C-alpha atoms as a PDB file:
ATOM      1  CA  MET A   1     -19.942 -90.017 -56.136  1.00  0.00           C
ATOM      2  CA  LEU A   2     -21.754 -88.047 -58.763  1.00  0.00           C
ATOM      3  CA  SER A   3     -20.913 -84.406 -59.404  1.00  0.00           C
ATOM      4  CA  GLY A   4     -22.684 -81.296 -60.685  1.00  0.00           C
ATOM      5  CA  VAL A   5     -26.367 -80.366 -60.627  1.00  0.00           C
ATOM      6  CA  GLY A   6     -28.185 -83.669 -60.446  1.00  0.00           C
ATOM      7  CA  GLY A   7     -24.924 -85.289 -61.514  1.00  0.00           C
ATOM      8  CA  CYS A   8     -25.451 -83.718 -64.935  1.00  0.00           C
ATOM      9  CA  THR A   9     -24.554 -80.054 -65.260  1.00  0.00           C
ATOM     10  CA  SER A  10     -23.139 -77.223 -63.178  1.00  0.00           C
ATOM     11  CA  PHE A  11     -25.289 -74.180 -63.942  1.00  0.00           C
ATOM     12  CA  SER A  12     -27.424 -72.339 -61.386  1.00  0.00           C
ATOM     13  CA  LEU A  13     -31.179 -72.611 -61.585  1.00  0.00           C
ATOM     14  CA  PRO A  14     -33.182 -69.345 -61.501  1.00  0.00           C
ATOM     15  CA  PHE A  15     -34.692 -68.006 -58.288  1.00  0.00           C
ATOM     16  CA  GLN A  16     -38.232 -66.731 -57.729  1.00  0.00           C
ATOM     17  CA  PHE A  17     -38.940 -64.199 -54.985  1.00  0.00           C
ATOM     18  CA  SER A  18     -42.051 -63.148 -53.094  1.00  0.00           C
ATOM     19  CA  ILE A  19     -42.519 -59.970 -51.040  1.00  0.00           C
ATOM     20  CA  ASP A  20     -44.273 -60.207 -47.682  1.00  0.00           C
ATOM     21  CA  MET A  21     -46.398 -57.534 -45.980  1.00  0.00           C
ATOM     22  CA  TYR A  22     -43.259 -56.036 -44.421  1.00  0.00           C
ATOM     23  CA  GLY A  23     -41.499 -55.624 -47.771  1.00  0.00           C
ATOM     24  CA  GLN A  24     -39.094 -58.500 -47.132  1.00  0.00           C
ATOM     25  CA  SER A  25     -38.220 -60.772 -50.059  1.00  0.00           C
ATOM     26  CA  HIS A  26     -38.272 -64.555 -49.763  1.00  0.00           C
ATOM     27  CA  VAL A  27     -36.989 -67.175 -52.177  1.00  0.00           C
ATOM     28  CA  LEU A  28     -39.847 -69.472 -53.151  1.00  0.00           C
ATOM     29  CA  PRO A  29     -39.428 -73.250 -53.200  1.00  0.00           C
ATOM     30  CA  TYR A  30     -39.565 -75.074 -56.505  1.00  0.00           C
ATOM     31  CA  ILE A  31     -43.059 -76.510 -56.951  1.00  0.00           C
ATOM     32  CA  LEU A  32     -43.225 -78.998 -59.809  1.00  0.00           C
ATOM     33  CA  GLU A  33     -46.652 -80.011 -61.082  1.00  0.00           C
ATOM     34  CA  ASP A  34     -46.886 -83.718 -61.896  1.00  0.00           C
ATOM     35  CA  ARG A  35     -48.903 -83.642 -65.089  1.00  0.00           C
ATOM     36  CA  THR A  36     -50.281 -87.200 -65.195  1.00  0.00           C
ATOM     37  CA  GLY A  37     -49.306 -88.841 -61.929  1.00  0.00           C
ATOM     38  CA  VAL A  38     -48.001 -91.829 -63.936  1.00  0.00           C
ATOM     39  CA  ASN A  39     -44.496 -92.773 -62.823  1.00  0.00           C
ATOM     40  CA  THR A  40     -43.258 -93.694 -66.315  1.00  0.00           C
ATOM     41  CA  ALA A  41     -45.070 -91.079 -68.404  1.00  0.00           C
ATOM     42  CA  SER A  42     -45.377 -87.578 -67.025  1.00  0.00           C
ATOM     43  CA  ASP A  43     -44.030 -84.050 -67.048  1.00  0.00           C
ATOM     44  CA  PHE A  44     -42.821 -82.146 -64.008  1.00  0.00           C
ATOM     45  CA  ASP A  45     -43.234 -78.454 -64.811  1.00  0.00           C
ATOM     46  CA  GLU A  46     -42.266 -75.868 -62.211  1.00  0.00           C
ATOM     47  CA  MET A  47     -45.088 -73.531 -61.243  1.00  0.00           C
ATOM     48  CA  TYR A  48     -43.060 -70.396 -62.066  1.00  0.00           C
ATOM     49  CA  ASP A  49     -41.587 -71.846 -65.277  1.00  0.00           C
ATOM     50  CA  ARG A  50     -38.080 -72.208 -63.881  1.00  0.00           C
ATOM     51  CA  VAL A  51     -37.507 -75.846 -64.898  1.00  0.00           C
ATOM     52  CA  PHE A  52     -39.300 -78.478 -66.981  1.00  0.00           C
ATOM     53  CA  TYR A  53     -38.689 -82.229 -66.902  1.00  0.00           C
ATOM     54  CA  ARG A  54     -40.228 -85.119 -68.806  1.00  0.00           C
ATOM     55  CA  ILE A  55     -40.302 -88.725 -67.619  1.00  0.00           C
ATOM     56  CA  ALA A  56     -40.945 -91.272 -70.350  1.00  0.00           C
ATOM     57  CA  ARG A  57     -40.290 -94.759 -71.565  1.00  0.00           C
ATOM     58  CA  VAL A  58     -38.998 -95.375 -75.070  1.00  0.00           C
ATOM     59  CA  PRO A  59     -40.038 -98.883 -76.192  1.00  0.00           C
ATOM     60  CA  LEU A  60     -37.592 -98.806 -79.080  1.00  0.00           C
ATOM     61  CA  VAL A  61     -34.749 -98.519 -76.554  1.00  0.00           C
ATOM     62  CA  ARG A  62     -36.047-100.976 -73.948  1.00  0.00           C
ATOM     63  CA  ALA A  63     -39.551-101.517 -72.627  1.00  0.00           C
ATOM     64  CA  THR A  64     -38.463-101.221 -68.990  1.00  0.00           C
ATOM     65  CA  THR A  65     -36.118 -98.252 -69.307  1.00  0.00           C
ATOM     66  CA  THR A  66     -37.348 -94.930 -67.916  1.00  0.00           C
ATOM     67  CA  MET A  67     -35.736 -91.724 -69.174  1.00  0.00           C
ATOM     68  CA  ILE A  68     -35.691 -88.295 -67.557  1.00  0.00           C
ATOM     69  CA  TYR A  69     -35.296 -85.368 -69.959  1.00  0.00           C
ATOM     70  CA  GLU A  70     -34.733 -81.702 -69.269  1.00  0.00           C
ATOM     71  CA  MET A  71     -37.158 -79.775 -71.460  1.00  0.00           C
ATOM     72  CA  GLY A  72     -37.000 -76.150 -72.565  1.00  0.00           C
ATOM     73  CA  THR A  73     -40.709 -75.413 -72.339  1.00  0.00           C
ATOM     74  CA  ARG A  74     -43.809 -76.368 -70.398  1.00  0.00           C
ATOM     75  CA  ALA A  75     -45.737 -79.443 -71.538  1.00  0.00           C
ATOM     76  CA  SER A  76     -48.478 -78.785 -74.092  1.00  0.00           C
ATOM     77  CA  ARG A  77     -50.431 -80.653 -76.754  1.00  0.00           C
ATOM     78  CA  HIS A  78     -48.210 -79.144 -79.433  1.00  0.00           C
ATOM     79  CA  ARG A  79     -44.971 -80.028 -77.659  1.00  0.00           C
ATOM     80  CA  ASP A  80     -46.214 -83.563 -77.032  1.00  0.00           C
ATOM     81  CA  THR A  81     -46.586 -84.125 -80.782  1.00  0.00           C
ATOM     82  CA  LEU A  82     -42.906 -83.362 -81.330  1.00  0.00           C
ATOM     83  CA  PRO A  83     -40.243 -86.049 -80.921  1.00  0.00           C
ATOM     84  CA  VAL A  84     -37.754 -85.648 -78.082  1.00  0.00           C
ATOM     85  CA  THR A  85     -34.476 -84.988 -79.855  1.00  0.00           C
ATOM     86  CA  GLN A  86     -32.167 -84.226 -76.943  1.00  0.00           C
ATOM     87  CA  PRO A  87     -30.477 -87.005 -74.956  1.00  0.00           C
ATOM     88  CA  PRO A  88     -31.827 -87.857 -71.494  1.00  0.00           C
ATOM     89  CA  ILE A  89     -30.125 -86.536 -68.369  1.00  0.00           C
ATOM     90  CA  VAL A  90     -30.967 -89.675 -66.361  1.00  0.00           C
ATOM     91  CA  ILE A  91     -31.538 -93.279 -67.448  1.00  0.00           C
ATOM     92  CA  LEU A  92     -33.319 -95.660 -65.079  1.00  0.00           C
ATOM     93  CA  ASP A  93     -32.741 -99.105 -66.548  1.00  0.00           C
ATOM     94  CA  PHE A  94     -34.992-101.610 -64.784  1.00  0.00           C
ATOM     95  CA  GLN A  95     -34.870-105.348 -65.378  1.00  0.00           C
ATOM     96  CA  GLU A  96     -37.373-107.060 -67.690  1.00  0.00           C
ATOM     97  CA  ASP A  97     -39.464-108.109 -64.663  1.00  0.00           C
ATOM     98  CA  GLU A  98     -39.380-104.478 -63.394  1.00  0.00           C
ATOM     99  CA  SER A  99     -36.949-105.332 -60.581  1.00  0.00           C
ATOM    100  CA  LEU A 100     -34.198-102.837 -59.811  1.00  0.00           C
ATOM    101  CA  GLY A 101     -31.416-102.367 -62.336  1.00  0.00           C
ATOM    102  CA  THR A 102     -29.051 -99.454 -62.871  1.00  0.00           C
ATOM    103  CA  ILE A 103     -29.212 -95.664 -62.696  1.00  0.00           C
ATOM    104  CA  SER A 104     -27.128 -93.561 -65.077  1.00  0.00           C
ATOM    105  CA  TYR A 105     -26.478 -89.806 -64.995  1.00  0.00           C
ATOM    106  CA  LEU A 106     -25.404 -88.275 -68.285  1.00  0.00           C
ATOM    107  CA  ARG A 107     -23.301 -85.147 -68.206  1.00  0.00           C
ATOM    108  CA  PRO A 108     -20.941 -83.365 -70.607  1.00  0.00           C
ATOM    109  CA  THR A 109     -17.932 -85.210 -69.181  1.00  0.00           C
ATOM    110  CA  GLY A 110     -19.476 -88.637 -69.617  1.00  0.00           C
ATOM    111  CA  LYS A 111     -21.887 -91.199 -68.236  1.00  0.00           C
ATOM    112  CA  THR A 112     -21.880 -92.465 -64.656  1.00  0.00           C
ATOM    113  CA  THR A 113     -23.729 -95.720 -63.930  1.00  0.00           C
ATOM    114  CA  GLU A 114     -24.434 -97.441 -60.618  1.00  0.00           C
ATOM    115  CA  LEU A 115     -26.619-100.281 -59.404  1.00  0.00           C
ATOM    116  CA  MET A 116     -29.880 -98.891 -57.993  1.00  0.00           C
ATOM    117  CA  SER A 117     -29.524-101.186 -54.980  1.00  0.00           C
ATOM    118  CA  ARG A 118     -26.189 -99.533 -54.165  1.00  0.00           C
ATOM    119  CA  TYR A 119     -27.234 -96.006 -55.069  1.00  0.00           C
ATOM    120  CA  LEU A 120     -30.498 -96.077 -53.101  1.00  0.00           C
ATOM    121  CA  LYS A 121     -30.047 -98.067 -49.902  1.00  0.00           C
ATOM    122  CA  LYS A 122     -33.053 -99.298 -47.976  1.00  0.00           C
ATOM    123  CA  THR A 123     -33.277 -98.035 -44.393  1.00  0.00           C
ATOM    124  CA  GLY A 124     -36.740 -99.272 -43.465  1.00  0.00           C
ATOM    125  CA  LEU A 125     -39.925-100.790 -44.796  1.00  0.00           C
ATOM    126  CA  PHE A 126     -40.902 -97.555 -46.524  1.00  0.00           C
ATOM    127  CA  SER A 127     -37.669 -95.542 -46.587  1.00  0.00           C
ATOM    128  CA  SER A 128     -34.348 -95.433 -48.468  1.00  0.00           C
ATOM    129  CA  LYS A 129     -31.330 -93.125 -48.546  1.00  0.00           C
ATOM    130  CA  PHE A 130     -28.799 -91.975 -51.128  1.00  0.00           C
ATOM    131  CA  MET A 131     -25.636 -89.917 -51.135  1.00  0.00           C
ATOM    132  CA  GLY A 132     -26.063 -86.698 -53.096  1.00  0.00           C
ATOM    133  CA  SER A 133     -23.442 -85.186 -55.361  1.00  0.00           C
ATOM    134  CA  ASP A 134     -22.964 -82.512 -52.680  1.00  0.00           C
ATOM    135  CA  GLY A 135     -21.793 -85.138 -50.171  1.00  0.00           C
ATOM    136  CA  GLN A 136     -24.959 -85.007 -48.080  1.00  0.00           C
ATOM    137  CA  GLU A 137     -27.163 -87.971 -47.239  1.00  0.00           C
ATOM    138  CA  TYR A 138     -30.781 -87.761 -48.382  1.00  0.00           C
ATOM    139  CA  ARG A 139     -33.593 -90.017 -47.216  1.00  0.00           C
ATOM    140  CA  TRP A 140     -36.986 -90.645 -48.828  1.00  0.00           C
ATOM    141  CA  SER A 141     -39.841 -92.001 -46.711  1.00  0.00           C
ATOM    142  CA  HIS A 142     -43.441 -92.896 -47.520  1.00  0.00           C
ATOM    143  CA  ARG A 143     -46.256 -91.279 -45.515  1.00  0.00           C
ATOM    144  CA  SER A 144     -43.949 -90.382 -42.632  1.00  0.00           C
ATOM    145  CA  VAL A 145     -45.417 -86.865 -42.414  1.00  0.00           C
ATOM    146  CA  VAL A 146     -49.139 -86.189 -42.189  1.00  0.00           C
ATOM    147  CA  GLY A 147     -50.471 -84.804 -45.471  1.00  0.00           C
ATOM    148  CA  GLN A 148     -47.386 -85.759 -47.491  1.00  0.00           C
ATOM    149  CA  GLU A 149     -47.302 -88.876 -49.666  1.00  0.00           C
ATOM    150  CA  TRP A 150     -43.494 -88.842 -49.834  1.00  0.00           C
ATOM    151  CA  THR A 151     -40.999 -86.844 -47.786  1.00  0.00           C
ATOM    152  CA  CYS A 152     -37.271 -86.301 -48.301  1.00  0.00           C
ATOM    153  CA  THR A 153     -34.983 -85.268 -45.459  1.00  0.00           C
ATOM    154  CA  VAL A 154     -31.280 -84.487 -45.312  1.00  0.00           C
ATOM    155  CA  GLY A 155     -28.572 -85.089 -42.738  1.00  0.00           C
ATOM    156  CA  ALA A 156     -28.489 -86.767 -39.341  1.00  0.00           C
ATOM    157  CA  ASP A 157     -31.164 -84.415 -38.023  1.00  0.00           C
ATOM    158  CA  HIS A 158     -33.524 -85.411 -40.870  1.00  0.00           C
ATOM    159  CA  ARG A 159     -34.284 -81.883 -41.985  1.00  0.00           C
ATOM    160  CA  PRO A 160     -37.225 -81.935 -44.449  1.00  0.00           C
ATOM    161  CA  ILE A 161     -36.256 -80.449 -47.824  1.00  0.00           C
ATOM    162  CA  ALA A 162     -38.706 -81.947 -50.326  1.00  0.00           C
ATOM    163  CA  HIS A 163     -42.115 -83.583 -50.409  1.00  0.00           C
ATOM    164  CA  TYR A 164     -44.622 -85.028 -52.855  1.00  0.00           C
ATOM    165  CA  ASP A 165     -48.275 -84.264 -52.222  1.00  0.00           C
ATOM    166  CA  LEU A 166     -51.358 -85.811 -53.759  1.00  0.00           C
ATOM    167  CA  LYS A 167     -54.207 -83.624 -54.966  1.00  0.00           C
ATOM    168  CA  PRO A 168     -56.627 -82.893 -52.110  1.00  0.00           C
ATOM    169  CA  PRO A 169     -59.983 -84.588 -52.787  1.00  0.00           C
ATOM    170  CA  ASN A 170     -61.855 -81.275 -52.550  1.00  0.00           C
ATOM    171  CA  VAL A 171     -59.649 -79.532 -55.141  1.00  0.00           C
ATOM    172  CA  ASN A 172     -60.462 -79.652 -58.852  1.00  0.00           C
ATOM    173  CA  ALA A 173     -57.648 -80.186 -61.360  1.00  0.00           C
ATOM    174  CA  TYR A 174     -58.166 -79.793 -65.082  1.00  0.00           C
ATOM    175  CA  GLY A 175     -55.792 -81.453 -67.538  1.00  0.00           C
ATOM    176  CA  ILE A 176     -53.264 -82.356 -64.814  1.00  0.00           C
ATOM    177  CA  SER A 177     -53.143 -84.779 -61.886  1.00  0.00           C
ATOM    178  CA  GLY A 178     -53.006 -82.059 -59.242  1.00  0.00           C
ATOM    179  CA  HIS A 179     -50.058 -83.785 -57.528  1.00  0.00           C
ATOM    180  CA  THR A 180     -46.955 -81.708 -56.786  1.00  0.00           C
ATOM    181  CA  LEU A 181     -43.294 -82.206 -55.926  1.00  0.00           C
ATOM    182  CA  THR A 182     -41.916 -79.376 -53.782  1.00  0.00           C
ATOM    183  CA  VAL A 183     -38.173 -78.805 -53.304  1.00  0.00           C
ATOM    184  CA  GLU A 184     -36.689 -76.117 -51.077  1.00  0.00           C
ATOM    185  CA  GLU A 185     -34.691 -73.578 -53.090  1.00  0.00           C
ATOM    186  CA  GLU A 186     -31.551 -74.291 -51.071  1.00  0.00           C
ATOM    187  CA  TYR A 187     -31.501 -77.806 -52.537  1.00  0.00           C
ATOM    188  CA  VAL A 188     -32.280 -77.213 -56.206  1.00  0.00           C
ATOM    189  CA  HIS A 189     -28.661 -78.084 -56.995  1.00  0.00           C
ATOM    190  CA  VAL A 190     -29.688 -81.727 -56.414  1.00  0.00           C
ATOM    191  CA  LEU A 191     -33.181 -81.388 -57.899  1.00  0.00           C
ATOM    192  CA  VAL A 192     -32.503 -83.886 -60.691  1.00  0.00           C
ATOM    193  CA  GLU A 193     -31.120 -86.364 -58.172  1.00  0.00           C
ATOM    194  CA  LEU A 194     -34.201 -85.907 -56.007  1.00  0.00           C
ATOM    195  CA  LEU A 195     -36.475 -86.479 -59.009  1.00  0.00           C
ATOM    196  CA  ALA A 196     -34.537 -89.570 -60.113  1.00  0.00           C
ATOM    197  CA  SER A 197     -34.413 -91.155 -56.655  1.00  0.00           C
ATOM    198  CA  PHE A 198     -38.072 -90.290 -56.081  1.00  0.00           C
ATOM    199  CA  THR A 199     -38.994 -92.028 -59.339  1.00  0.00           C
ATOM    200  CA  ILE A 200     -37.173 -95.150 -58.172  1.00  0.00           C
ATOM    201  CA  MET A 201     -38.937 -95.001 -54.791  1.00  0.00           C
ATOM    202  CA  ARG A 202     -42.339 -94.819 -56.484  1.00  0.00           C
ATOM    203  CA  HIS A 203     -41.334 -97.711 -58.738  1.00  0.00           C
ATOM    204  CA  ILE A 204     -40.394 -99.813 -55.708  1.00  0.00           C
ATOM    205  CA  ALA A 205     -43.762 -99.067 -54.085  1.00  0.00           C
ATOM    206  CA  LEU A 206     -45.733 -99.738 -57.289  1.00  0.00           C
ATOM    207  CA  HIS A 207     -44.059-103.112 -57.904  1.00  0.00           C
ATOM    208  CA  ASN A 208     -43.748-104.193 -54.248  1.00  0.00           C
ATOM    209  CA  LEU A 209     -39.977-104.573 -54.544  1.00  0.00           C
END
């Protein structure tokens, strides 16, 4: 079992509050904007600038290896011109034919690697589950909820805690895809794991695996 935030670190992510009409404060969910909508080349920047992630392939490493990096700033044209110097926090190493390979979490104490087929177990035609570093079972499903492209639930009661939504056709988006990944604040300690498993799920759907 993997440990720490996303199997990588152990720090707490920042909170963002809103105040309702009665003066009560509420913790806002993490809403990550998917910059391109491309599963192997995008940035997931949180709406309130709390976290920034980049998903990319590095041909010099391996053409079918997808890396997830934790970035310090929001994506921009200037930042995109700079080389990524920090190591990835997740490595998704697919086979040469794009079939499933291994998933690795990198953390200060070392690297943990597992077969994707063991890490993310299929539960249905369009759903799979994985065991989070917090000991809870998470399940991704495709179009199981109206209006959501992907939905993640937790536990035996299938409580919804994350979802990926496509841009509504009547909404304009400039410079970004308009798609968003939303994670409830209570589960940001596994945000990296959710992003990594979600990336694998999209890969499976894209390549009909």
